């Protein structure tokens, strides 16, 4: 940019997926048995998967005495799983349909944003700076048990945080730096 301004921007994305199995409860005979009997699974269906995605973006504009920066991140995590599933032997009620009716799910989302404004100067040839910042975070949590279509148990929650802060870095003499700040966080 003209006038000695520098513009910096970024985009980030990350994703991970995994599948896992859980041994579930074992009969008492297996617990009293050999090591290999204790490692076997009582149900081959117990387990789940985790999908975790994050997307972020940021932008800053700066010159020799000031920098304004904005950053945003969105994260979403899904975790469908089965615990203690035993297929029923009912004609016309396929195992895949039974799994769908008993699948549990944990889902969470979080949005985070930060805005900072930093001013820098020199005093007697030494760097001095003050930064003002705002942060915002909103999170949502949902846990459904007993099927995804009509769960028997559902728990939800939300968290909302806000923060305001000031950070001061002063160099009164060469080789010495004084750093002080204050931050106010609110949560509901």
N, C-alpha and C. Protein backbone atom coordinates (compact mmCIF):
# COMPACT_ATOMS: atom_id res chain seq x y z
N UNK A 1 0.84 -1.18 0.00
CA UNK A 1 0.00 0.00 0.00
C UNK A 1 0.88 1.24 0.00
N UNK A 2 0.33 2.32 -0.46
CA UNK A 2 1.09 3.56 -0.47
C UNK A 2 1.17 4.19 0.90
N UNK A 3 1.97 5.21 1.04
CA UNK A 3 2.09 5.96 2.29
C UNK A 3 2.78 5.19 3.40
N UNK A 4 3.57 4.19 3.06
CA UNK A 4 4.31 3.43 4.06
C UNK A 4 3.48 2.40 4.80
N UNK A 5 2.28 2.09 4.31
CA UNK A 5 1.44 1.09 4.95
C UNK A 5 1.71 -0.29 4.38
N UNK A 6 1.63 -1.29 5.25
CA UNK A 6 1.81 -2.68 4.85
C UNK A 6 0.51 -3.43 5.17
N UNK A 7 0.03 -4.19 4.20
CA UNK A 7 -1.18 -4.99 4.37
C UNK A 7 -0.79 -6.46 4.41
N UNK A 8 -1.28 -7.18 5.41
CA UNK A 8 -0.98 -8.60 5.57
C UNK A 8 -2.30 -9.33 5.78
N UNK A 9 -2.50 -10.43 5.06
CA UNK A 9 -3.74 -11.21 5.19
C UNK A 9 -3.41 -12.69 5.13
N UNK A 10 -4.25 -13.50 5.76
CA UNK A 10 -4.06 -14.95 5.69
C UNK A 10 -5.41 -15.66 5.78
N UNK A 11 -5.43 -16.87 5.25
CA UNK A 11 -6.54 -17.81 5.38
C UNK A 11 -5.95 -19.13 5.84
N UNK A 12 -6.63 -19.79 6.78
CA UNK A 12 -6.16 -21.09 7.26
C UNK A 12 -7.34 -22.04 7.34
N UNK A 13 -7.07 -23.28 7.06
CA UNK A 13 -8.08 -24.30 7.26
C UNK A 13 -7.39 -25.59 7.68
N UNK A 14 -8.04 -26.32 8.53
CA UNK A 14 -7.49 -27.60 9.01
C UNK A 14 -8.67 -28.52 9.27
N UNK A 15 -8.45 -29.79 9.01
CA UNK A 15 -9.50 -30.78 9.25
C UNK A 15 -8.86 -32.09 9.67
N UNK A 16 -9.54 -32.79 10.55
CA UNK A 16 -9.08 -34.13 10.92
C UNK A 16 -10.31 -35.02 11.09
N UNK A 17 -10.14 -36.26 10.69
CA UNK A 17 -11.19 -37.26 10.81
C UNK A 17 -10.57 -38.52 11.36
N UNK A 18 -11.26 -39.16 12.28
CA UNK A 18 -10.77 -40.45 12.75
C UNK A 18 -11.94 -41.35 13.13
N UNK A 19 -11.68 -42.64 13.11
CA UNK A 19 -12.64 -43.65 13.53
C UNK A 19 -11.98 -44.44 14.67
N UNK A 20 -12.79 -44.87 15.61
CA UNK A 20 -12.24 -45.62 16.73
C UNK A 20 -13.25 -46.68 17.17
N UNK A 21 -12.73 -47.70 17.82
CA UNK A 21 -13.57 -48.75 18.39
C UNK A 21 -13.42 -48.72 19.90
N UNK A 22 -14.46 -49.20 20.58
CA UNK A 22 -14.41 -49.28 22.04
C UNK A 22 -14.73 -50.72 22.44
N UNK A 23 -14.03 -51.23 23.43
CA UNK A 23 -14.24 -52.63 23.78
C UNK A 23 -15.57 -52.90 24.44
N UNK A 24 -16.15 -51.94 25.11
CA UNK A 24 -17.41 -52.17 25.79
C UNK A 24 -17.22 -53.08 26.99
N UNK A 25 -18.31 -53.40 27.67
CA UNK A 25 -18.21 -54.26 28.85
C UNK A 25 -17.89 -55.70 28.46
N UNK A 26 -17.15 -56.38 29.32
CA UNK A 26 -16.80 -57.78 29.09
C UNK A 26 -17.51 -58.65 30.13
N UNK A 27 -17.84 -59.88 29.74
CA UNK A 27 -18.42 -60.80 30.73
C UNK A 27 -17.37 -61.13 31.80
N UNK A 28 -17.84 -61.48 32.98
CA UNK A 28 -16.94 -61.77 34.10
C UNK A 28 -15.99 -62.91 33.78
N UNK A 29 -16.42 -63.87 32.95
CA UNK A 29 -15.55 -64.98 32.58
C UNK A 29 -14.32 -64.48 31.82
N UNK A 30 -14.50 -63.48 30.97
CA UNK A 30 -13.37 -62.93 30.21
C UNK A 30 -12.40 -62.21 31.13
N UNK A 31 -12.92 -61.52 32.14
CA UNK A 31 -12.05 -60.80 33.08
C UNK A 31 -11.20 -61.77 33.89
N UNK A 32 -11.75 -62.95 34.17
CA UNK A 32 -11.00 -63.96 34.93
C UNK A 32 -10.10 -64.79 34.02
N UNK A 33 -10.27 -64.66 32.71
CA UNK A 33 -9.56 -65.50 31.75
C UNK A 33 -8.18 -64.98 31.42
N UNK A 34 -7.73 -65.35 30.25
CA UNK A 34 -6.38 -65.00 29.79
C UNK A 34 -6.33 -63.55 29.32
N UNK A 35 -5.12 -63.10 29.08
CA UNK A 35 -4.89 -61.74 28.60
C UNK A 35 -5.62 -61.49 27.27
N UNK A 36 -5.57 -62.43 26.36
CA UNK A 36 -6.23 -62.24 25.06
C UNK A 36 -7.75 -62.20 25.22
N UNK A 37 -8.30 -62.93 26.19
CA UNK A 37 -9.74 -62.88 26.41
C UNK A 37 -10.16 -61.50 26.96
N UNK A 38 -9.30 -60.88 27.76
CA UNK A 38 -9.62 -59.56 28.31
C UNK A 38 -9.52 -58.46 27.26
N UNK A 39 -8.84 -58.71 26.16
CA UNK A 39 -8.68 -57.68 25.13
C UNK A 39 -9.73 -57.77 24.04
N UNK A 40 -10.54 -58.77 24.05
CA UNK A 40 -11.52 -58.90 22.98
C UNK A 40 -12.68 -57.93 23.22
N UNK A 41 -13.41 -57.64 22.17
CA UNK A 41 -14.55 -56.74 22.26
C UNK A 41 -15.82 -57.53 22.52
N UNK A 42 -16.64 -57.02 23.41
CA UNK A 42 -17.92 -57.66 23.67
C UNK A 42 -18.89 -57.38 22.52
N UNK A 43 -18.74 -56.22 21.87
CA UNK A 43 -19.57 -55.86 20.74
C UNK A 43 -18.67 -55.29 19.65
N UNK A 44 -18.84 -55.76 18.45
CA UNK A 44 -18.03 -55.24 17.34
C UNK A 44 -18.57 -53.92 16.81
N UNK A 45 -19.71 -53.49 17.33
CA UNK A 45 -20.33 -52.26 16.84
C UNK A 45 -19.93 -51.02 17.63
N UNK A 46 -19.50 -51.19 18.88
CA UNK A 46 -19.20 -50.03 19.71
C UNK A 46 -18.01 -49.25 19.16
N UNK A 47 -18.17 -47.95 19.10
CA UNK A 47 -17.12 -47.08 18.59
C UNK A 47 -17.73 -45.82 18.04
N UNK A 48 -16.93 -45.07 17.32
CA UNK A 48 -17.44 -43.83 16.76
C UNK A 48 -16.44 -43.20 15.83
N UNK A 49 -16.69 -41.96 15.52
CA UNK A 49 -15.79 -41.19 14.67
C UNK A 49 -15.80 -39.75 15.13
N UNK A 50 -14.76 -39.04 14.79
CA UNK A 50 -14.64 -37.63 15.13
C UNK A 50 -14.29 -36.85 13.87
N UNK A 51 -15.07 -35.82 13.60
CA UNK A 51 -14.79 -34.88 12.51
C UNK A 51 -14.53 -33.53 13.16
N UNK A 52 -13.37 -32.97 12.91
CA UNK A 52 -12.98 -31.70 13.53
C UNK A 52 -12.47 -30.78 12.44
N UNK A 53 -13.13 -29.65 12.23
CA UNK A 53 -12.70 -28.70 11.20
C UNK A 53 -12.51 -27.32 11.83
N UNK A 54 -11.49 -26.61 11.32
CA UNK A 54 -11.19 -25.25 11.76
C UNK A 54 -10.91 -24.39 10.53
N UNK A 55 -11.49 -23.21 10.54
CA UNK A 55 -11.26 -22.25 9.45
C UNK A 55 -10.95 -20.90 10.09
N UNK A 56 -9.97 -20.21 9.55
CA UNK A 56 -9.60 -18.93 10.12
C UNK A 56 -9.16 -17.94 9.06
N UNK A 57 -9.25 -16.68 9.40
CA UNK A 57 -8.82 -15.61 8.51
C UNK A 57 -8.31 -14.46 9.37
N UNK A 58 -7.39 -13.72 8.82
CA UNK A 58 -6.86 -12.57 9.53
C UNK A 58 -6.40 -11.49 8.57
N UNK A 59 -6.39 -10.28 9.06
CA UNK A 59 -5.99 -9.14 8.24
C UNK A 59 -5.34 -8.12 9.16
N UNK A 60 -4.23 -7.54 8.71
CA UNK A 60 -3.62 -6.45 9.48
C UNK A 60 -3.13 -5.39 8.51
N UNK A 61 -3.17 -4.18 8.99
CA UNK A 61 -2.63 -3.04 8.23
C UNK A 61 -1.74 -2.27 9.21
N UNK A 62 -0.55 -1.95 8.77
CA UNK A 62 0.40 -1.32 9.69
C UNK A 62 1.30 -0.33 8.97
N UNK A 63 1.87 0.54 9.75
CA UNK A 63 2.96 1.41 9.29
C UNK A 63 3.97 1.46 10.44
N UNK A 64 4.90 2.39 10.41
CA UNK A 64 5.96 2.37 11.42
C UNK A 64 5.48 2.70 12.83
N UNK A 65 4.33 3.30 13.01
CA UNK A 65 3.88 3.67 14.35
C UNK A 65 2.56 3.03 14.78
N UNK A 66 1.89 2.27 13.89
CA UNK A 66 0.59 1.72 14.26
C UNK A 66 0.33 0.39 13.53
N UNK A 67 -0.44 -0.47 14.19
CA UNK A 67 -0.85 -1.73 13.56
C UNK A 67 -2.26 -2.08 14.03
N UNK A 68 -3.16 -2.30 13.08
CA UNK A 68 -4.52 -2.74 13.35
C UNK A 68 -4.64 -4.16 12.81
N UNK A 69 -5.09 -5.10 13.67
CA UNK A 69 -5.19 -6.50 13.27
C UNK A 69 -6.56 -7.06 13.66
N UNK A 70 -7.11 -7.87 12.77
CA UNK A 70 -8.38 -8.55 13.00
C UNK A 70 -8.18 -10.02 12.66
N UNK A 71 -8.66 -10.92 13.53
CA UNK A 71 -8.54 -12.36 13.28
C UNK A 71 -9.86 -13.04 13.66
N UNK A 72 -10.21 -14.07 12.91
CA UNK A 72 -11.45 -14.82 13.14
C UNK A 72 -11.18 -16.31 12.95
N UNK A 73 -11.76 -17.14 13.82
CA UNK A 73 -11.65 -18.59 13.69
C UNK A 73 -13.01 -19.22 13.97
N UNK A 74 -13.37 -20.22 13.16
CA UNK A 74 -14.58 -21.02 13.39
C UNK A 74 -14.14 -22.48 13.52
N UNK A 75 -14.61 -23.15 14.57
CA UNK A 75 -14.28 -24.56 14.77
C UNK A 75 -15.57 -25.34 14.98
N UNK A 76 -15.64 -26.48 14.31
CA UNK A 76 -16.80 -27.35 14.45
C UNK A 76 -16.32 -28.78 14.65
N UNK A 77 -16.92 -29.44 15.64
CA UNK A 77 -16.52 -30.81 15.96
C UNK A 77 -17.77 -31.67 16.10
N UNK A 78 -17.77 -32.82 15.40
CA UNK A 78 -18.87 -33.77 15.47
C UNK A 78 -18.32 -35.12 15.91
N UNK A 79 -19.04 -35.78 16.82
CA UNK A 79 -18.57 -37.06 17.34
C UNK A 79 -19.76 -38.02 17.52
N UNK A 80 -20.22 -38.68 16.43
CA UNK A 80 -21.24 -39.72 16.60
C UNK A 80 -20.59 -41.01 17.12
N UNK A 81 -21.28 -41.70 18.04
CA UNK A 81 -20.69 -42.91 18.63
C UNK A 81 -21.77 -43.85 19.14
N UNK A 82 -21.39 -45.10 19.33
CA UNK A 82 -22.24 -46.14 19.91
C UNK A 82 -21.54 -46.73 21.13
N UNK A 83 -22.29 -46.95 22.19
CA UNK A 83 -21.76 -47.63 23.38
C UNK A 83 -22.82 -48.64 23.82
N UNK A 84 -22.39 -49.86 24.03
CA UNK A 84 -23.30 -50.90 24.53
C UNK A 84 -24.35 -51.34 23.54
N UNK A 85 -24.05 -51.28 22.26
CA UNK A 85 -25.03 -51.65 21.24
C UNK A 85 -25.05 -53.16 21.04
N UNK A 86 -26.22 -53.73 21.13
CA UNK A 86 -26.44 -55.14 20.82
C UNK A 86 -27.56 -55.21 19.79
N UNK A 87 -27.28 -55.73 18.59
CA UNK A 87 -28.35 -55.80 17.58
C UNK A 87 -29.48 -56.72 18.02
N UNK A 88 -30.69 -56.33 17.68
CA UNK A 88 -31.88 -57.13 17.97
C UNK A 88 -32.21 -57.98 16.75
N UNK A 89 -32.77 -59.11 16.99
CA UNK A 89 -33.10 -60.03 15.90
C UNK A 89 -34.58 -59.91 15.57
N UNK A 90 -34.99 -58.74 15.01
CA UNK A 90 -36.37 -58.53 14.59
C UNK A 90 -36.42 -58.55 13.08
N UNK A 91 -37.33 -59.35 12.48
CA UNK A 91 -37.46 -59.36 11.02
C UNK A 91 -37.81 -57.96 10.51
N UNK A 92 -37.14 -57.51 9.47
CA UNK A 92 -37.40 -56.21 8.86
C UNK A 92 -36.75 -55.03 9.56
N UNK A 93 -36.07 -55.28 10.67
CA UNK A 93 -35.39 -54.20 11.40
C UNK A 93 -33.89 -54.45 11.28
N UNK A 94 -33.35 -53.95 10.19
CA UNK A 94 -31.95 -54.20 9.85
C UNK A 94 -31.00 -53.56 10.87
N UNK A 95 -29.81 -54.14 10.97
CA UNK A 95 -28.81 -53.65 11.91
C UNK A 95 -28.47 -52.18 11.63
N UNK A 96 -28.33 -51.81 10.37
CA UNK A 96 -28.00 -50.41 10.03
C UNK A 96 -29.07 -49.46 10.55
N UNK A 97 -30.33 -49.84 10.48
CA UNK A 97 -31.42 -49.00 10.98
C UNK A 97 -31.40 -48.95 12.51
N UNK A 98 -31.08 -50.07 13.14
CA UNK A 98 -30.97 -50.10 14.60
C UNK A 98 -29.84 -49.19 15.08
N UNK A 99 -28.72 -49.21 14.37
CA UNK A 99 -27.60 -48.34 14.73
C UNK A 99 -28.02 -46.88 14.64
N UNK A 100 -28.70 -46.54 13.56
CA UNK A 100 -29.16 -45.16 13.37
C UNK A 100 -30.09 -44.73 14.51
N UNK A 101 -30.93 -45.67 14.99
CA UNK A 101 -31.87 -45.35 16.06
C UNK A 101 -31.20 -45.25 17.43
N UNK A 102 -30.00 -45.81 17.59
CA UNK A 102 -29.33 -45.79 18.88
C UNK A 102 -28.06 -44.95 18.90
N UNK A 103 -27.72 -44.34 17.78
CA UNK A 103 -26.50 -43.55 17.68
C UNK A 103 -26.57 -42.33 18.60
N UNK A 104 -25.48 -42.07 19.29
CA UNK A 104 -25.34 -40.88 20.13
C UNK A 104 -24.47 -39.88 19.36
N UNK A 105 -24.56 -38.61 19.73
CA UNK A 105 -23.78 -37.61 19.01
C UNK A 105 -23.42 -36.45 19.93
N UNK A 106 -22.18 -36.03 19.84
CA UNK A 106 -21.73 -34.81 20.50
C UNK A 106 -21.33 -33.84 19.39
N UNK A 107 -21.84 -32.63 19.46
CA UNK A 107 -21.50 -31.63 18.45
C UNK A 107 -21.19 -30.32 19.17
N UNK A 108 -20.07 -29.71 18.79
CA UNK A 108 -19.73 -28.42 19.39
C UNK A 108 -19.22 -27.48 18.29
N UNK A 109 -19.50 -26.21 18.49
CA UNK A 109 -19.05 -25.16 17.58
C UNK A 109 -18.51 -24.01 18.41
N UNK A 110 -17.52 -23.33 17.84
CA UNK A 110 -16.94 -22.17 18.53
C UNK A 110 -16.51 -21.14 17.50
N UNK A 111 -16.92 -19.91 17.72
CA UNK A 111 -16.48 -18.78 16.90
C UNK A 111 -15.66 -17.85 17.80
N UNK A 112 -14.50 -17.44 17.30
CA UNK A 112 -13.60 -16.58 18.07
C UNK A 112 -13.16 -15.43 17.18
N UNK A 113 -13.12 -14.22 17.74
CA UNK A 113 -12.66 -13.05 17.00
C UNK A 113 -11.81 -12.18 17.91
N UNK A 114 -10.77 -11.58 17.33
CA UNK A 114 -9.89 -10.69 18.08
C UNK A 114 -9.59 -9.47 17.21
N UNK A 115 -9.61 -8.30 17.84
CA UNK A 115 -9.23 -7.05 17.20
C UNK A 115 -8.21 -6.38 18.11
N UNK A 116 -7.06 -6.01 17.55
CA UNK A 116 -6.04 -5.31 18.33
C UNK A 116 -5.58 -4.06 17.58
N UNK A 117 -5.28 -3.04 18.34
CA UNK A 117 -4.72 -1.81 17.80
C UNK A 117 -3.47 -1.50 18.63
N UNK A 118 -2.32 -1.46 17.97
CA UNK A 118 -1.05 -1.21 18.65
C UNK A 118 -0.45 0.10 18.14
N UNK A 119 0.00 0.90 19.06
CA UNK A 119 0.70 2.14 18.72
C UNK A 119 2.13 2.03 19.23
N UNK A 120 3.10 2.36 18.39
CA UNK A 120 4.50 2.33 18.80
C UNK A 120 5.15 3.67 18.52
N UNK A 121 6.13 3.99 19.33
CA UNK A 121 6.89 5.22 19.13
C UNK A 121 8.27 5.01 19.73
N UNK A 122 9.11 6.00 19.61
CA UNK A 122 10.43 5.95 20.24
C UNK A 122 10.53 7.14 21.18
N UNK A 123 11.10 6.89 22.32
CA UNK A 123 11.36 7.94 23.29
C UNK A 123 12.83 7.82 23.67
N UNK A 124 13.60 8.85 23.44
CA UNK A 124 15.04 8.86 23.65
C UNK A 124 15.69 7.69 22.89
N UNK A 125 15.13 7.39 21.71
CA UNK A 125 15.68 6.34 20.86
C UNK A 125 15.30 4.93 21.26
N UNK A 126 14.41 4.77 22.27
CA UNK A 126 14.02 3.44 22.75
C UNK A 126 12.56 3.17 22.40
N UNK A 127 12.23 1.91 22.05
CA UNK A 127 10.85 1.60 21.64
C UNK A 127 9.87 1.62 22.81
N UNK A 128 8.69 2.17 22.55
CA UNK A 128 7.59 2.24 23.51
C UNK A 128 6.32 1.81 22.76
N UNK A 129 5.43 1.05 23.42
CA UNK A 129 4.21 0.65 22.72
C UNK A 129 3.05 0.49 23.70
N UNK A 130 1.86 0.67 23.17
CA UNK A 130 0.63 0.40 23.89
C UNK A 130 -0.31 -0.32 22.92
N UNK A 131 -0.95 -1.39 23.43
CA UNK A 131 -1.87 -2.16 22.60
C UNK A 131 -3.23 -2.21 23.28
N UNK A 132 -4.28 -1.98 22.51
CA UNK A 132 -5.66 -2.12 22.96
C UNK A 132 -6.25 -3.32 22.23
N UNK A 133 -7.01 -4.14 22.95
CA UNK A 133 -7.56 -5.33 22.29
C UNK A 133 -8.95 -5.69 22.76
N UNK A 134 -9.66 -6.35 21.86
CA UNK A 134 -10.98 -6.91 22.14
C UNK A 134 -10.99 -8.36 21.67
N UNK A 135 -11.61 -9.24 22.45
CA UNK A 135 -11.79 -10.63 22.05
C UNK A 135 -13.23 -11.03 22.29
N UNK A 136 -13.71 -11.90 21.42
CA UNK A 136 -15.08 -12.39 21.53
C UNK A 136 -15.06 -13.88 21.20
N UNK A 137 -15.77 -14.67 22.00
CA UNK A 137 -15.86 -16.10 21.76
C UNK A 137 -17.26 -16.58 22.07
N UNK A 138 -17.86 -17.33 21.15
CA UNK A 138 -19.18 -17.91 21.34
C UNK A 138 -19.09 -19.40 21.06
N UNK A 139 -19.53 -20.20 22.02
CA UNK A 139 -19.48 -21.65 21.86
C UNK A 139 -20.84 -22.28 22.10
N UNK A 140 -21.12 -23.35 21.36
CA UNK A 140 -22.38 -24.09 21.49
C UNK A 140 -22.05 -25.57 21.60
N UNK A 141 -22.77 -26.27 22.47
CA UNK A 141 -22.54 -27.69 22.72
C UNK A 141 -23.88 -28.40 22.70
N UNK A 142 -23.93 -29.55 22.02
CA UNK A 142 -25.15 -30.36 21.99
C UNK A 142 -24.76 -31.83 22.08
N UNK A 143 -25.36 -32.52 23.02
CA UNK A 143 -25.13 -33.96 23.16
C UNK A 143 -26.48 -34.65 23.11
N UNK A 144 -26.64 -35.53 22.13
CA UNK A 144 -27.89 -36.27 21.94
C UNK A 144 -27.60 -37.76 22.12
N UNK A 145 -28.43 -38.42 22.91
CA UNK A 145 -28.27 -39.85 23.14
C UNK A 145 -29.57 -40.56 22.76
N UNK A 146 -29.43 -41.77 22.23
CA UNK A 146 -30.60 -42.57 21.91
C UNK A 146 -31.16 -42.31 20.53
N UNK A 147 -30.32 -42.00 19.57
CA UNK A 147 -30.78 -41.79 18.20
C UNK A 147 -30.69 -40.34 17.79
N UNK A 148 -30.43 -40.12 16.52
CA UNK A 148 -30.28 -38.75 16.03
C UNK A 148 -31.62 -38.13 15.63
N UNK A 149 -32.58 -38.95 15.20
CA UNK A 149 -33.87 -38.42 14.75
C UNK A 149 -34.72 -37.92 15.93
N UNK A 150 -34.89 -38.77 16.93
CA UNK A 150 -35.66 -38.42 18.12
C UNK A 150 -34.89 -38.88 19.36
N UNK A 151 -33.89 -38.10 19.78
CA UNK A 151 -33.06 -38.54 20.91
C UNK A 151 -33.87 -38.67 22.20
N UNK A 152 -33.50 -39.65 23.01
CA UNK A 152 -34.17 -39.83 24.30
C UNK A 152 -33.64 -38.85 25.33
N UNK A 153 -32.39 -38.46 25.19
CA UNK A 153 -31.77 -37.51 26.11
C UNK A 153 -31.01 -36.48 25.28
N UNK A 154 -31.17 -35.23 25.63
CA UNK A 154 -30.44 -34.18 24.92
C UNK A 154 -29.97 -33.14 25.92
N UNK A 155 -28.70 -32.79 25.82
CA UNK A 155 -28.12 -31.76 26.68
C UNK A 155 -27.51 -30.70 25.77
N UNK A 156 -27.75 -29.46 26.08
CA UNK A 156 -27.19 -28.36 25.29
C UNK A 156 -26.57 -27.34 26.23
N UNK A 157 -25.67 -26.57 25.69
CA UNK A 157 -25.06 -25.51 26.47
C UNK A 157 -24.47 -24.45 25.57
N UNK A 158 -24.29 -23.28 26.12
CA UNK A 158 -23.68 -22.16 25.41
C UNK A 158 -22.72 -21.46 26.34
N UNK A 159 -21.67 -20.94 25.77
CA UNK A 159 -20.73 -20.11 26.53
C UNK A 159 -20.40 -18.90 25.67
N UNK A 160 -20.43 -17.76 26.29
CA UNK A 160 -20.12 -16.52 25.58
C UNK A 160 -19.14 -15.74 26.43
N UNK A 161 -17.97 -15.43 25.85
CA UNK A 161 -16.98 -14.65 26.59
C UNK A 161 -16.62 -13.40 25.79
N UNK A 162 -16.32 -12.37 26.52
CA UNK A 162 -15.85 -11.11 25.93
C UNK A 162 -14.67 -10.65 26.77
N UNK A 163 -13.69 -10.05 26.12
CA UNK A 163 -12.53 -9.54 26.84
C UNK A 163 -12.10 -8.21 26.25
N UNK A 164 -11.63 -7.35 27.12
CA UNK A 164 -11.05 -6.06 26.73
C UNK A 164 -9.73 -5.96 27.48
N UNK A 165 -8.72 -5.47 26.80
CA UNK A 165 -7.43 -5.40 27.46
C UNK A 165 -6.56 -4.27 26.92
N UNK A 166 -5.59 -3.89 27.75
CA UNK A 166 -4.59 -2.89 27.41
C UNK A 166 -3.25 -3.47 27.83
N UNK A 167 -2.26 -3.37 26.97
CA UNK A 167 -0.93 -3.90 27.24
C UNK A 167 0.09 -2.79 26.92
N UNK A 168 0.93 -2.45 27.89
CA UNK A 168 1.89 -1.36 27.73
C UNK A 168 3.31 -1.92 27.89
N UNK A 169 4.19 -1.59 26.95
CA UNK A 169 5.60 -1.97 27.05
C UNK A 169 6.44 -0.70 26.90
N UNK A 170 7.19 -0.40 27.95
CA UNK A 170 8.00 0.82 27.98
C UNK A 170 9.47 0.44 28.19
N UNK A 171 10.35 1.20 27.57
CA UNK A 171 11.80 1.04 27.77
C UNK A 171 12.33 2.37 28.29
N UNK A 172 12.39 2.53 29.63
CA UNK A 172 12.86 3.81 30.17
C UNK A 172 14.35 4.04 29.95
N UNK A 173 15.15 2.97 29.99
CA UNK A 173 16.59 3.06 29.74
C UNK A 173 17.01 1.85 28.93
N UNK A 174 18.13 1.94 28.27
CA UNK A 174 18.65 0.84 27.45
C UNK A 174 18.82 -0.42 28.31
N UNK A 175 18.31 -1.57 27.83
CA UNK A 175 18.45 -2.84 28.53
C UNK A 175 17.37 -3.09 29.57
N UNK A 176 16.43 -2.18 29.73
CA UNK A 176 15.35 -2.37 30.70
C UNK A 176 14.01 -2.19 30.00
N UNK A 177 13.10 -3.11 30.31
CA UNK A 177 11.76 -3.00 29.73
C UNK A 177 10.73 -3.21 30.83
N UNK A 178 9.74 -2.33 30.87
CA UNK A 178 8.64 -2.42 31.83
C UNK A 178 7.41 -2.84 31.04
N UNK A 179 6.77 -3.90 31.53
CA UNK A 179 5.62 -4.45 30.83
C UNK A 179 4.46 -4.51 31.82
N UNK A 180 3.34 -3.88 31.48
CA UNK A 180 2.17 -3.88 32.36
C UNK A 180 0.92 -4.00 31.50
N UNK A 181 -0.10 -4.61 32.06
CA UNK A 181 -1.34 -4.75 31.32
C UNK A 181 -2.50 -5.02 32.24
N UNK A 182 -3.66 -4.85 31.70
CA UNK A 182 -4.88 -5.15 32.43
C UNK A 182 -5.86 -5.77 31.43
N UNK A 183 -6.63 -6.76 31.92
CA UNK A 183 -7.58 -7.47 31.06
C UNK A 183 -8.85 -7.69 31.86
N UNK A 184 -9.99 -7.41 31.24
CA UNK A 184 -11.29 -7.62 31.85
C UNK A 184 -12.02 -8.65 31.01
N UNK A 185 -12.36 -9.79 31.62
CA UNK A 185 -13.09 -10.86 30.94
C UNK A 185 -14.49 -10.96 31.52
N UNK A 186 -15.46 -11.18 30.66
CA UNK A 186 -16.84 -11.47 31.10
C UNK A 186 -17.27 -12.76 30.43
N UNK A 187 -18.05 -13.53 31.17
CA UNK A 187 -18.51 -14.81 30.64
C UNK A 187 -19.96 -15.02 31.05
N UNK A 188 -20.72 -15.59 30.12
CA UNK A 188 -22.09 -15.99 30.50
C UNK A 188 -22.48 -17.18 29.67
